[in-house]
Amino acid sequence: MLENSVYVLFLLLDFYKACDTVHRLILLKKLDTYHLPGNILSWIISFLTERSQCTKINGVVSVFECINKSIVQGSVIDPNSFSLYVADLKALGKTNALCKHADDTTLLVPQHCDVQLVDELERVIKWSKANKLKLNLGKKKEIVFRRSSVKRDILPLALDDTTSNVWSV
């Protein structure tokens, strides 16, 4: 992107307790769109439902509590489940990109774009609400990557002044 632009905006986003707040019914509906064999889907449903946990501290065990949301962190299906959950979150603009790694999401918007960063962020917020995930907007970071030969005064305004950083590459 930077080869064809003076700068590229990066917006780093974080989902609040992403794996802990995955809505199982939404996850199962999304899994169903992949046309998994029935026995695999049944196994996943069985794995995710009627789970409980307790805590043991200094030899004292709490009562078991039912876990009615989230995916099982540390399990074999944990990383793939979340990846499938967010697979339909995409950038709006053809010139823009949305990169996802675990619960971290990064929007990349070049100088000459068909959809502005603020509109991309609004789309992610709406998607998050529809999918019952919370964006931790207090942790968002905006970075402007620019060619080292470019003057600072032609860079874009930040979404808000407290989160922008400028790095030359």
Protein backbone atom coordinates (compact mmCIF):
# COMPACT_ATOMS: atom_id res chain seq x y z
CA MET A 1 0.00 0.00 0.00
CA LEU A 2 2.76 2.43 0.88
CA GLU A 3 4.30 2.09 -2.57
CA ASN A 4 1.24 3.82 -4.06
CA SER A 5 0.48 6.29 -1.26
CA VAL A 6 2.18 9.01 0.71
CA TYR A 7 0.89 7.40 3.90
CA VAL A 8 -1.14 4.48 5.20
CA LEU A 9 -3.30 4.73 8.30
CA PHE A 10 -3.25 1.77 10.66
CA LEU A 11 -5.95 1.49 13.30
CA LEU A 12 -5.25 -1.21 15.86
CA LEU A 13 -8.38 -2.48 17.61
CA ASP A 14 -8.93 -4.84 20.50
CA PHE A 15 -12.01 -6.85 21.38
CA TYR A 16 -12.72 -6.81 25.11
CA LYS A 17 -12.43 -10.36 26.49
CA ALA A 18 -13.03 -11.68 23.00
CA CYS A 19 -13.00 -15.42 23.62
CA ASP A 20 -14.93 -15.01 26.87
CA THR A 21 -17.78 -13.17 25.17
CA VAL A 22 -18.28 -15.21 22.00
CA HIS A 23 -22.00 -15.86 21.66
CA ARG A 24 -22.32 -19.60 21.12
CA LEU A 25 -25.55 -19.49 19.11
CA ILE A 26 -24.02 -16.95 16.71
CA LEU A 27 -20.89 -19.11 16.47
CA LEU A 28 -22.95 -22.20 15.66
CA LYS A 29 -24.93 -20.32 13.00
CA LYS A 30 -21.67 -19.18 11.42
CA LEU A 31 -20.23 -22.70 11.59
CA ASP A 32 -23.35 -23.99 9.86
CA THR A 33 -22.57 -21.78 6.84
CA TYR A 34 -19.41 -23.84 6.25
CA HIS A 35 -21.54 -26.95 5.63
CA LEU A 36 -19.60 -29.09 8.08
CA PRO A 37 -20.58 -32.75 8.25
CA GLY A 38 -23.39 -33.25 10.76
CA ASN A 39 -21.31 -35.36 13.11
CA ILE A 40 -18.60 -32.67 13.32
CA LEU A 41 -21.15 -29.93 14.01
CA SER A 42 -22.81 -32.15 16.64
CA TRP A 43 -19.44 -32.76 18.30
CA ILE A 44 -18.75 -29.01 18.46
CA ILE A 45 -22.21 -28.34 19.89
CA SER A 46 -21.66 -31.07 22.49
CA PHE A 47 -18.21 -29.69 23.31
CA LEU A 48 -19.55 -26.17 23.87
CA THR A 49 -22.75 -26.92 25.77
CA GLU A 50 -23.40 -27.92 29.36
CA ARG A 51 -19.89 -27.04 30.44
CA SER A 52 -19.12 -26.04 34.01
CA GLN A 53 -16.13 -24.92 35.98
CA CYS A 54 -14.97 -24.46 39.54
CA THR A 55 -12.05 -22.79 41.23
CA LYS A 56 -9.65 -24.34 43.70
CA ILE A 57 -7.72 -22.01 46.02
CA ASN A 58 -5.65 -23.29 48.94
CA GLY A 59 -7.38 -26.65 48.71
CA VAL A 60 -10.88 -25.17 48.87
CA VAL A 61 -13.04 -25.97 45.86
CA SER A 62 -15.89 -23.67 44.86
CA VAL A 63 -19.22 -24.93 43.62
CA PHE A 64 -19.44 -25.78 39.94
CA GLU A 65 -20.98 -23.02 37.85
CA CYS A 66 -22.46 -23.48 34.39
CA ILE A 67 -20.64 -21.65 31.60
CA ASN A 68 -23.26 -20.47 29.14
CA LYS A 69 -21.15 -18.34 26.83
CA SER A 70 -17.62 -18.19 25.44
CA ILE A 71 -15.46 -20.73 23.76
CA VAL A 72 -13.21 -22.95 25.81
CA GLN A 73 -9.89 -21.14 26.02
CA GLY A 74 -6.86 -23.36 25.77
CA SER A 75 -8.80 -26.02 23.92
CA VAL A 76 -7.91 -27.33 20.49
CA ILE A 77 -10.84 -25.56 18.86
CA ASP A 78 -10.34 -22.21 20.64
CA PRO A 79 -8.21 -20.32 18.06
CA ASN A 80 -10.10 -21.66 15.06
CA SER A 81 -13.49 -20.98 16.64
CA PHE A 82 -12.72 -17.32 17.16
CA SER A 83 -11.19 -17.02 13.69
CA LEU A 84 -14.39 -18.44 12.18
CA TYR A 85 -16.48 -16.15 14.39
CA VAL A 86 -14.82 -13.02 12.95
CA ALA A 87 -14.32 -14.34 9.40
CA ASP A 88 -17.21 -12.27 8.05
CA LEU A 89 -15.73 -9.01 9.37
CA LYS A 90 -14.19 -7.40 6.31
CA ALA A 91 -13.08 -3.96 5.19
CA LEU A 92 -15.69 -1.93 3.33
CA GLY A 93 -13.31 -0.25 0.92
CA LYS A 94 -11.67 -2.00 -2.00
CA THR A 95 -8.47 -0.08 -1.31
CA ASN A 96 -8.52 -0.88 2.42
CA ALA A 97 -7.56 -4.00 4.33
CA LEU A 98 -8.65 -5.55 7.59
CA CYS A 99 -6.12 -7.91 9.19
CA LYS A 100 -7.08 -10.18 12.06
CA HIS A 101 -4.91 -12.17 14.42
CA ALA A 102 -6.64 -13.84 17.36
CA ASP A 103 -8.63 -11.05 19.06
CA ASP A 104 -6.61 -8.21 17.54
CA THR A 105 -7.86 -6.44 14.45
CA THR A 106 -6.04 -3.87 12.33
CA LEU A 107 -7.59 -1.60 9.73
CA LEU A 108 -5.28 -0.35 6.97
CA VAL A 109 -6.43 2.64 4.95
CA PRO A 110 -4.15 4.26 2.34
CA GLN A 111 -4.06 7.97 1.53
CA HIS A 112 -6.16 7.51 -1.60
CA CYS A 113 -9.02 5.31 -0.47
CA ASP A 114 -12.60 4.69 -1.45
CA VAL A 115 -13.82 4.42 2.19
CA GLN A 116 -12.40 6.64 4.95
CA LEU A 117 -11.01 5.28 8.23
CA VAL A 118 -13.83 6.74 10.32
CA ASP A 119 -16.40 4.91 8.15
CA GLU A 120 -14.44 1.66 8.42
CA LEU A 121 -14.36 2.04 12.22
CA GLU A 122 -18.10 2.69 12.30
CA ARG A 123 -18.65 -0.52 10.33
CA VAL A 124 -16.52 -2.52 12.80
CA ILE A 125 -18.48 -1.05 15.72
CA LYS A 126 -21.81 -2.02 14.09
CA TRP A 127 -20.50 -5.52 13.29
CA SER A 128 -19.31 -5.90 16.89
CA LYS A 129 -22.72 -4.98 18.29
CA ALA A 130 -24.50 -7.35 15.91
CA ASN A 131 -22.15 -10.16 16.93
CA LYS A 132 -22.30 -9.35 20.65
CA LEU A 133 -18.60 -8.51 20.99
CA LYS A 134 -17.32 -5.39 22.70
CA LEU A 135 -14.62 -3.26 21.17
CA ASN A 136 -12.24 -1.85 23.73
CA LEU A 137 -11.99 1.60 22.13
CA GLY A 138 -9.83 2.81 25.01
CA LYS A 139 -7.08 0.52 23.70
CA LYS A 140 -7.32 1.58 20.04
CA LYS A 141 -4.14 2.94 18.54
CA GLU A 142 -3.83 4.91 15.35
CA ILE A 143 -0.51 4.87 13.55
CA VAL A 144 0.41 6.67 10.35
CA PHE A 145 3.10 4.99 8.29
CA ARG A 146 4.67 7.31 5.77
CA ARG A 147 7.61 7.40 3.47
CA SER A 148 10.54 9.08 5.21
CA SER A 149 10.71 11.76 2.52
CA VAL A 150 7.20 13.02 3.27
CA LYS A 151 6.67 16.13 5.39
CA ARG A 152 4.56 15.78 8.52
CA ASP A 153 2.27 18.66 7.58
CA ILE A 154 0.63 16.71 4.74
CA LEU A 155 -0.43 13.82 6.96
CA PRO A 156 -4.11 13.23 7.84
CA LEU A 157 -5.78 14.35 11.03
CA ALA A 158 -6.00 11.67 13.69
CA LEU A 159 -9.32 10.18 14.77
CA ASP A 160 -8.46 11.71 18.13
CA ASP A 161 -5.20 13.38 19.07
CA THR A 162 -4.42 11.08 22.01
CA THR A 163 -4.01 7.90 19.99
CA SER A 164 -1.96 8.84 16.96
CA ASN A 165 1.71 8.11 16.45
CA VAL A 166 3.78 8.79 13.34
CA TRP A 167 6.42 6.31 12.20
CA SER A 168 8.61 6.76 9.16
CA VAL A 169 9.52 3.76 7.06
